[in-house]
Amino acid sequence: MSIRKKKPIGEHVNPIGPRSVYDEAKRFSEAVTMAYHRYYKVDTRIVRICNTYGPRMQLYGHGSQTRSFCYVSHEIDGFMRLTKSSEHLPVNIGNPTEFTILECVQRVLAVTGSKSKIKYEPLPQDDPKQRQPDITKARTLLGWEPRIDLETG
């Protein structure tokens, strides 16, 4: 019997789909950053931002896709810790507490007391169905992990 592990972030991307410019730009940026570090000895850091939440978020989908939102000010704390480290390889900064978008909407409505109706929109093509970062490296290397839960944020 084999244990199936979660796929790393970015493993299931369509290089020619509607999200391809976004997905490929992230990979290109990391590749260029590492090239400058290796060949030109530039002191670099690579942070992988994993679902920051705040105003003007896009509303779409049927609500079953998952995300792991991290409050922006705490995420910036992770960035600052990374800048003070000597780590040159990518580090995920995000919240591993996973929930569905529908659960998120229900929490927001409960916290705000809003009587807004939930409107379901089509899920964009190639939109990830699941997002949950592995922040083991941020925890061990930077002593960082999110402390602000969704309701508090």
N, C-alpha and C. Protein backbone atom coordinates (compact mmCIF):
# COMPACT_ATOMS: atom_id res chain seq x y z
N MET A 1 0.84 -1.18 0.00
CA MET A 1 0.00 0.00 0.00
C MET A 1 0.88 1.24 0.00
N SER A 2 0.59 2.19 -0.88
CA SER A 2 1.38 3.41 -0.93
C SER A 2 0.57 4.57 -0.36
N ILE A 3 1.28 5.51 0.20
CA ILE A 3 0.65 6.72 0.73
C ILE A 3 0.78 7.81 -0.32
N ARG A 4 -0.34 8.39 -0.69
CA ARG A 4 -0.34 9.43 -1.71
C ARG A 4 -0.12 10.78 -1.03
N LYS A 5 0.93 11.46 -1.45
CA LYS A 5 1.24 12.76 -0.88
C LYS A 5 0.59 13.85 -1.73
N LYS A 6 0.33 15.00 -1.10
CA LYS A 6 -0.20 16.15 -1.84
C LYS A 6 0.85 16.60 -2.83
N LYS A 7 0.39 17.07 -3.96
CA LYS A 7 1.29 17.59 -4.98
C LYS A 7 1.80 18.96 -4.53
N PRO A 8 3.07 19.26 -4.82
CA PRO A 8 3.59 20.59 -4.46
C PRO A 8 2.84 21.69 -5.20
N ILE A 9 2.82 22.87 -4.61
CA ILE A 9 2.19 24.01 -5.25
C ILE A 9 2.81 24.20 -6.63
N GLY A 10 1.97 24.39 -7.64
CA GLY A 10 2.46 24.66 -8.98
C GLY A 10 2.73 23.43 -9.82
N GLU A 11 2.54 22.22 -9.31
CA GLU A 11 2.84 21.04 -10.10
C GLU A 11 1.79 20.79 -11.17
N HIS A 12 0.56 21.16 -10.94
CA HIS A 12 -0.51 20.95 -11.90
C HIS A 12 -0.88 22.27 -12.56
N VAL A 13 -0.05 22.75 -13.44
CA VAL A 13 -0.35 24.01 -14.13
C VAL A 13 -0.40 23.76 -15.63
N ASN A 14 -1.22 24.53 -16.29
CA ASN A 14 -1.36 24.46 -17.73
C ASN A 14 -0.50 25.57 -18.33
N PRO A 15 0.60 25.24 -19.03
CA PRO A 15 1.50 26.28 -19.53
C PRO A 15 0.93 27.14 -20.64
N ILE A 16 -0.25 26.78 -21.16
CA ILE A 16 -0.86 27.60 -22.21
C ILE A 16 -2.29 28.02 -21.86
N GLY A 17 -2.73 27.79 -20.65
CA GLY A 17 -4.08 28.12 -20.23
C GLY A 17 -4.22 29.59 -19.84
N PRO A 18 -5.43 29.97 -19.42
CA PRO A 18 -5.69 31.36 -19.07
C PRO A 18 -4.86 31.88 -17.90
N ARG A 19 -4.43 31.00 -17.01
CA ARG A 19 -3.60 31.40 -15.87
C ARG A 19 -2.11 31.28 -16.18
N SER A 20 -1.77 30.88 -17.39
CA SER A 20 -0.38 30.54 -17.70
C SER A 20 0.58 31.71 -17.51
N VAL A 21 0.18 32.92 -17.84
CA VAL A 21 1.09 34.05 -17.67
C VAL A 21 1.44 34.21 -16.20
N TYR A 22 0.45 34.10 -15.34
CA TYR A 22 0.67 34.19 -13.89
C TYR A 22 1.57 33.05 -13.41
N ASP A 23 1.21 31.81 -13.76
CA ASP A 23 1.97 30.65 -13.30
C ASP A 23 3.40 30.65 -13.83
N GLU A 24 3.56 30.91 -15.10
CA GLU A 24 4.90 30.88 -15.70
C GLU A 24 5.75 32.05 -15.24
N ALA A 25 5.13 33.20 -14.98
CA ALA A 25 5.87 34.37 -14.50
C ALA A 25 6.50 34.08 -13.13
N LYS A 26 5.75 33.37 -12.28
CA LYS A 26 6.31 33.02 -10.97
C LYS A 26 7.52 32.12 -11.13
N ARG A 27 7.41 31.11 -11.97
CA ARG A 27 8.54 30.19 -12.17
C ARG A 27 9.74 30.92 -12.79
N PHE A 28 9.46 31.78 -13.77
CA PHE A 28 10.53 32.54 -14.42
C PHE A 28 11.24 33.44 -13.41
N SER A 29 10.45 34.12 -12.57
CA SER A 29 11.03 35.03 -11.57
C SER A 29 11.96 34.28 -10.62
N GLU A 30 11.53 33.10 -10.18
CA GLU A 30 12.38 32.31 -9.29
C GLU A 30 13.65 31.85 -10.01
N ALA A 31 13.51 31.44 -11.27
CA ALA A 31 14.67 30.98 -12.03
C ALA A 31 15.67 32.12 -12.25
N VAL A 32 15.19 33.29 -12.59
CA VAL A 32 16.07 34.45 -12.80
C VAL A 32 16.74 34.86 -11.49
N THR A 33 15.96 34.86 -10.41
CA THR A 33 16.53 35.21 -9.11
C THR A 33 17.67 34.27 -8.74
N MET A 34 17.45 32.96 -8.91
CA MET A 34 18.50 31.99 -8.59
C MET A 34 19.70 32.13 -9.53
N ALA A 35 19.45 32.45 -10.79
CA ALA A 35 20.56 32.65 -11.73
C ALA A 35 21.43 33.83 -11.28
N TYR A 36 20.79 34.93 -10.87
CA TYR A 36 21.56 36.08 -10.39
C TYR A 36 22.32 35.73 -9.11
N HIS A 37 21.70 34.93 -8.27
CA HIS A 37 22.38 34.51 -7.03
C HIS A 37 23.61 33.65 -7.36
N ARG A 38 23.43 32.67 -8.24
CA ARG A 38 24.52 31.74 -8.56
C ARG A 38 25.65 32.38 -9.38
N TYR A 39 25.27 33.12 -10.42
CA TYR A 39 26.27 33.61 -11.36
C TYR A 39 26.85 34.98 -11.01
N TYR A 40 26.04 35.83 -10.38
CA TYR A 40 26.50 37.18 -10.06
C TYR A 40 26.67 37.41 -8.56
N LYS A 41 26.43 36.35 -7.78
CA LYS A 41 26.60 36.40 -6.32
C LYS A 41 25.72 37.48 -5.66
N VAL A 42 24.54 37.73 -6.24
CA VAL A 42 23.59 38.68 -5.65
C VAL A 42 22.95 38.01 -4.43
N ASP A 43 22.83 38.76 -3.35
CA ASP A 43 22.23 38.25 -2.12
C ASP A 43 20.71 38.30 -2.28
N THR A 44 20.10 37.18 -2.57
CA THR A 44 18.68 37.12 -2.93
C THR A 44 17.86 36.35 -1.90
N ARG A 45 16.55 36.57 -1.94
CA ARG A 45 15.58 35.80 -1.18
C ARG A 45 14.40 35.53 -2.11
N ILE A 46 13.77 34.37 -1.95
CA ILE A 46 12.57 34.03 -2.73
C ILE A 46 11.47 33.66 -1.75
N VAL A 47 10.42 34.45 -1.75
CA VAL A 47 9.27 34.15 -0.90
C VAL A 47 8.13 33.70 -1.81
N ARG A 48 7.48 32.64 -1.42
CA ARG A 48 6.30 32.17 -2.13
C ARG A 48 5.09 32.57 -1.29
N ILE A 49 4.37 33.55 -1.79
CA ILE A 49 3.20 34.07 -1.09
C ILE A 49 2.04 33.11 -1.33
N CYS A 50 1.40 32.70 -0.27
CA CYS A 50 0.35 31.69 -0.37
C CYS A 50 -0.98 32.23 0.15
N ASN A 51 -1.77 32.83 -0.71
CA ASN A 51 -3.13 33.28 -0.41
C ASN A 51 -3.23 34.30 0.72
N THR A 52 -2.99 35.54 0.39
CA THR A 52 -3.21 36.64 1.30
C THR A 52 -4.66 37.08 1.14
N TYR A 53 -5.31 37.46 2.23
CA TYR A 53 -6.69 37.92 2.08
C TYR A 53 -6.81 39.39 2.45
N GLY A 54 -7.84 39.99 1.83
CA GLY A 54 -8.11 41.39 2.07
C GLY A 54 -9.17 41.89 1.11
N PRO A 55 -9.30 43.20 1.00
CA PRO A 55 -10.32 43.79 0.14
C PRO A 55 -10.13 43.43 -1.34
N ARG A 56 -11.20 43.51 -2.08
CA ARG A 56 -11.23 43.35 -3.54
C ARG A 56 -10.85 41.96 -4.02
N MET A 57 -11.12 40.94 -3.22
CA MET A 57 -10.87 39.58 -3.67
C MET A 57 -11.89 39.20 -4.72
N GLN A 58 -11.50 38.38 -5.70
CA GLN A 58 -12.42 37.93 -6.73
C GLN A 58 -13.41 36.93 -6.15
N LEU A 59 -14.66 37.04 -6.58
CA LEU A 59 -15.70 36.13 -6.14
C LEU A 59 -16.05 35.20 -7.29
N TYR A 60 -15.86 33.92 -7.08
CA TYR A 60 -16.20 32.96 -8.12
C TYR A 60 -16.21 31.56 -7.56
N GLY A 61 -16.81 30.67 -8.34
CA GLY A 61 -16.77 29.25 -8.02
C GLY A 61 -17.99 28.78 -7.27
N HIS A 62 -18.02 27.50 -6.99
CA HIS A 62 -19.14 26.88 -6.30
C HIS A 62 -18.85 26.72 -4.81
N GLY A 63 -17.68 27.14 -4.38
CA GLY A 63 -17.37 27.17 -2.96
C GLY A 63 -16.64 25.95 -2.43
N SER A 64 -16.46 24.91 -3.23
CA SER A 64 -15.81 23.71 -2.70
C SER A 64 -14.29 23.75 -2.85
N GLN A 65 -13.76 24.67 -3.65
CA GLN A 65 -12.31 24.78 -3.76
C GLN A 65 -11.77 25.30 -2.42
N THR A 66 -10.56 24.89 -2.07
CA THR A 66 -10.01 25.27 -0.77
C THR A 66 -8.91 26.31 -0.92
N ARG A 67 -8.76 27.07 0.14
CA ARG A 67 -7.68 28.05 0.23
C ARG A 67 -7.20 28.05 1.68
N SER A 68 -6.10 28.73 1.90
CA SER A 68 -5.50 28.84 3.23
C SER A 68 -5.03 30.28 3.38
N PHE A 69 -5.93 31.17 3.72
CA PHE A 69 -5.63 32.60 3.74
C PHE A 69 -4.79 33.01 4.93
N CYS A 70 -3.85 33.92 4.67
CA CYS A 70 -2.98 34.47 5.70
C CYS A 70 -3.21 35.98 5.76
N TYR A 71 -3.36 36.51 6.97
CA TYR A 71 -3.58 37.93 7.16
C TYR A 71 -2.34 38.71 6.71
N VAL A 72 -2.54 39.77 5.96
CA VAL A 72 -1.46 40.46 5.27
C VAL A 72 -0.36 40.96 6.20
N SER A 73 -0.69 41.55 7.35
CA SER A 73 0.37 42.09 8.23
C SER A 73 1.24 40.98 8.80
N HIS A 74 0.65 39.83 9.07
CA HIS A 74 1.45 38.73 9.59
C HIS A 74 2.30 38.11 8.50
N GLU A 75 1.78 38.11 7.28
CA GLU A 75 2.56 37.61 6.15
C GLU A 75 3.79 38.49 5.94
N ILE A 76 3.63 39.79 6.08
CA ILE A 76 4.76 40.71 5.94
C ILE A 76 5.82 40.43 7.00
N ASP A 77 5.40 40.05 8.21
CA ASP A 77 6.35 39.66 9.25
C ASP A 77 7.20 38.48 8.75
N GLY A 78 6.57 37.52 8.08
CA GLY A 78 7.32 36.40 7.51
C GLY A 78 8.32 36.86 6.46
N PHE A 79 7.92 37.83 5.63
CA PHE A 79 8.83 38.37 4.62
C PHE A 79 10.05 39.01 5.29
N MET A 80 9.78 39.79 6.33
CA MET A 80 10.87 40.49 7.01
C MET A 80 11.84 39.49 7.66
N ARG A 81 11.29 38.45 8.25
CA ARG A 81 12.16 37.42 8.83
C ARG A 81 13.02 36.76 7.76
N LEU A 82 12.43 36.53 6.60
CA LEU A 82 13.19 35.91 5.51
C LEU A 82 14.33 36.84 5.06
N THR A 83 14.06 38.14 4.97
CA THR A 83 15.12 39.07 4.52
C THR A 83 16.30 39.07 5.47
N LYS A 84 16.05 38.77 6.76
CA LYS A 84 17.13 38.77 7.75
C LYS A 84 17.85 37.42 7.83
N SER A 85 17.34 36.44 7.09
CA SER A 85 17.97 35.11 7.10
C SER A 85 19.01 35.03 5.98
N SER A 86 19.68 33.91 5.93
CA SER A 86 20.65 33.69 4.84
C SER A 86 20.12 32.67 3.83
N GLU A 87 18.82 32.38 3.87
CA GLU A 87 18.21 31.39 2.97
C GLU A 87 18.02 31.98 1.58
N HIS A 88 18.50 31.26 0.57
CA HIS A 88 18.37 31.72 -0.82
C HIS A 88 17.37 30.89 -1.61
N LEU A 89 16.96 29.75 -1.08
CA LEU A 89 15.98 28.91 -1.76
C LEU A 89 14.57 29.37 -1.40
N PRO A 90 13.56 29.01 -2.19
CA PRO A 90 12.19 29.46 -1.92
C PRO A 90 11.67 29.04 -0.55
N VAL A 91 10.91 29.95 0.07
CA VAL A 91 10.25 29.70 1.34
C VAL A 91 8.78 30.08 1.20
N ASN A 92 7.90 29.15 1.52
CA ASN A 92 6.46 29.43 1.52
C ASN A 92 6.09 30.23 2.76
N ILE A 93 5.43 31.35 2.56
CA ILE A 93 4.90 32.15 3.66
C ILE A 93 3.39 32.19 3.46
N GLY A 94 2.67 31.52 4.34
CA GLY A 94 1.22 31.44 4.23
C GLY A 94 0.65 30.69 5.40
N ASN A 95 -0.61 30.41 5.32
CA ASN A 95 -1.32 29.75 6.40
C ASN A 95 -1.73 28.35 5.96
N PRO A 96 -1.31 27.30 6.65
CA PRO A 96 -1.67 25.95 6.25
C PRO A 96 -3.07 25.52 6.70
N THR A 97 -3.79 26.39 7.42
CA THR A 97 -5.14 26.05 7.86
C THR A 97 -6.08 26.16 6.67
N GLU A 98 -6.51 25.01 6.17
CA GLU A 98 -7.27 24.94 4.92
C GLU A 98 -8.78 24.91 5.20
N PHE A 99 -9.53 25.61 4.36
CA PHE A 99 -10.99 25.60 4.44
C PHE A 99 -11.54 25.87 3.05
N THR A 100 -12.81 25.55 2.84
CA THR A 100 -13.41 25.82 1.53
C THR A 100 -13.76 27.30 1.42
N ILE A 101 -13.90 27.77 0.21
CA ILE A 101 -14.30 29.15 -0.03
C ILE A 101 -15.70 29.38 0.54
N LEU A 102 -16.57 28.38 0.42
CA LEU A 102 -17.92 28.51 0.99
C LEU A 102 -17.84 28.69 2.51
N GLU A 103 -16.98 27.93 3.19
CA GLU A 103 -16.80 28.11 4.63
C GLU A 103 -16.29 29.51 4.94
N CYS A 104 -15.38 30.01 4.12
CA CYS A 104 -14.85 31.36 4.31
C CYS A 104 -15.96 32.39 4.19
N VAL A 105 -16.78 32.27 3.16
CA VAL A 105 -17.89 33.20 2.96
C VAL A 105 -18.84 33.15 4.15
N GLN A 106 -19.14 31.97 4.61
CA GLN A 106 -20.06 31.83 5.75
C GLN A 106 -19.47 32.47 7.01
N ARG A 107 -18.17 32.35 7.21
CA ARG A 107 -17.51 32.98 8.37
C ARG A 107 -17.58 34.50 8.26
N VAL A 108 -17.30 35.02 7.05
CA VAL A 108 -17.34 36.48 6.84
C VAL A 108 -18.75 37.01 7.11
N LEU A 109 -19.76 36.32 6.58
CA LEU A 109 -21.13 36.75 6.81
C LEU A 109 -21.47 36.73 8.30
N ALA A 110 -21.02 35.70 9.01
CA ALA A 110 -21.30 35.59 10.45
C ALA A 110 -20.61 36.70 11.25
N VAL A 111 -19.33 36.95 10.96
CA VAL A 111 -18.56 37.95 11.70
C VAL A 111 -19.10 39.36 11.44
N THR A 112 -19.49 39.63 10.20
CA THR A 112 -19.94 40.98 9.85
C THR A 112 -21.43 41.19 10.11
N GLY A 113 -22.17 40.10 10.33
CA GLY A 113 -23.62 40.22 10.51
C GLY A 113 -24.34 40.57 9.21
N SER A 114 -23.66 40.36 8.09
CA SER A 114 -24.24 40.71 6.79
C SER A 114 -25.40 39.79 6.42
N LYS A 115 -26.38 40.35 5.76
CA LYS A 115 -27.52 39.58 5.24
C LYS A 115 -27.35 39.31 3.74
N SER A 116 -26.14 39.52 3.25
CA SER A 116 -25.85 39.30 1.82
C SER A 116 -26.16 37.87 1.43
N LYS A 117 -26.61 37.69 0.21
CA LYS A 117 -26.87 36.37 -0.35
C LYS A 117 -25.60 35.87 -1.02
N ILE A 118 -25.39 34.58 -0.96
CA ILE A 118 -24.24 33.96 -1.62
C ILE A 118 -24.60 33.77 -3.09
N LYS A 119 -23.73 34.27 -3.95
CA LYS A 119 -23.91 34.14 -5.40
C LYS A 119 -22.79 33.25 -5.93
N TYR A 120 -23.17 32.20 -6.63
CA TYR A 120 -22.20 31.26 -7.18
C TYR A 120 -21.86 31.67 -8.61
N GLU A 121 -20.59 31.72 -8.92
CA GLU A 121 -20.10 32.08 -10.24
C GLU A 121 -19.32 30.90 -10.80
N PRO A 122 -19.18 30.83 -12.13
CA PRO A 122 -18.39 29.74 -12.71
C PRO A 122 -16.94 29.81 -12.24
N LEU A 123 -16.37 28.67 -11.99
CA LEU A 123 -14.97 28.60 -11.61
C LEU A 123 -14.11 28.87 -12.84
N PRO A 124 -13.14 29.78 -12.77
CA PRO A 124 -12.28 30.04 -13.93
C PRO A 124 -11.53 28.79 -14.36
N GLN A 125 -11.26 28.72 -15.65
CA GLN A 125 -10.51 27.58 -16.19
C GLN A 125 -9.14 27.51 -15.52
N ASP A 126 -8.74 26.30 -15.16
CA ASP A 126 -7.43 26.01 -14.56
C ASP A 126 -7.26 26.59 -13.15
N ASP A 127 -8.34 27.07 -12.54
CA ASP A 127 -8.23 27.57 -11.17
C ASP A 127 -7.93 26.39 -10.25
N PRO A 128 -6.94 26.52 -9.37
CA PRO A 128 -6.61 25.40 -8.48
C PRO A 128 -7.78 25.02 -7.58
N LYS A 129 -8.02 23.74 -7.44
CA LYS A 129 -9.12 23.26 -6.59
C LYS A 129 -8.70 23.22 -5.13
N GLN A 130 -7.39 23.15 -4.87
CA GLN A 130 -6.91 23.06 -3.50
C GLN A 130 -5.62 23.86 -3.37
N ARG A 131 -5.53 24.59 -2.26
CA ARG A 131 -4.29 25.29 -1.95
C ARG A 131 -4.06 25.21 -0.46
N GLN A 132 -2.94 24.61 -0.10
CA GLN A 132 -2.55 24.49 1.30
C GLN A 132 -1.03 24.44 1.32
N PRO A 133 -0.38 25.53 1.71
CA PRO A 133 1.09 25.55 1.67
C PRO A 133 1.73 24.71 2.76
N ASP A 134 2.89 24.19 2.44
CA ASP A 134 3.72 23.52 3.44
C ASP A 134 4.68 24.59 3.97
N ILE A 135 4.48 25.00 5.22
CA ILE A 135 5.32 26.07 5.79
C ILE A 135 6.37 25.53 6.77
N THR A 136 6.69 24.27 6.64
CA THR A 136 7.69 23.66 7.52
C THR A 136 8.99 24.45 7.52
N LYS A 137 9.43 24.87 6.35
CA LYS A 137 10.68 25.61 6.23
C LYS A 137 10.59 26.96 6.95
N ALA A 138 9.47 27.65 6.80
CA ALA A 138 9.29 28.94 7.48
C ALA A 138 9.28 28.75 9.00
N ARG A 139 8.65 27.67 9.45
CA ARG A 139 8.61 27.39 10.89
C ARG A 139 10.01 27.10 11.44
N THR A 140 10.74 26.22 10.77
CA THR A 140 12.03 25.79 11.30
C THR A 140 13.13 26.82 11.06
N LEU A 141 13.17 27.42 9.90
CA LEU A 141 14.24 28.35 9.54
C LEU A 141 14.02 29.75 10.11
N LEU A 142 12.77 30.22 10.06
CA LEU A 142 12.48 31.60 10.44
C LEU A 142 11.77 31.72 11.79
N GLY A 143 11.33 30.59 12.35
CA GLY A 143 10.54 30.66 13.57
C GLY A 143 9.22 31.36 13.34
N TRP A 144 8.69 31.25 12.13
CA TRP A 144 7.46 31.96 11.74
C TRP A 144 6.33 30.99 11.46
N GLU A 145 5.16 31.36 11.90
CA GLU A 145 3.94 30.71 11.48
C GLU A 145 2.80 31.68 11.74
N PRO A 146 1.71 31.55 11.02
CA PRO A 146 0.62 32.50 11.19
C PRO A 146 -0.01 32.39 12.58
N ARG A 147 -0.34 33.55 13.15
CA ARG A 147 -0.97 33.58 14.47
C ARG A 147 -2.36 34.21 14.42
N ILE A 148 -2.72 34.78 13.30
CA ILE A 148 -3.99 35.49 13.18
C ILE A 148 -4.96 34.61 12.39
N ASP A 149 -6.05 34.19 13.03
CA ASP A 149 -7.01 33.34 12.34
C ASP A 149 -7.93 34.20 11.45
N LEU A 150 -8.72 33.52 10.62
CA LEU A 150 -9.56 34.22 9.66
C LEU A 150 -10.54 35.16 10.33
N GLU A 151 -11.22 34.71 11.38
CA GLU A 151 -12.20 35.57 12.04
C GLU A 151 -11.57 36.82 12.64
N THR A 152 -10.39 36.67 13.25
CA THR A 152 -9.71 37.82 13.85
C THR A 152 -9.25 38.80 12.78
N GLY A 153 -8.71 38.26 11.70
CA GLY A 153 -8.24 39.12 10.61
C GLY A 153 -9.37 39.87 9.95
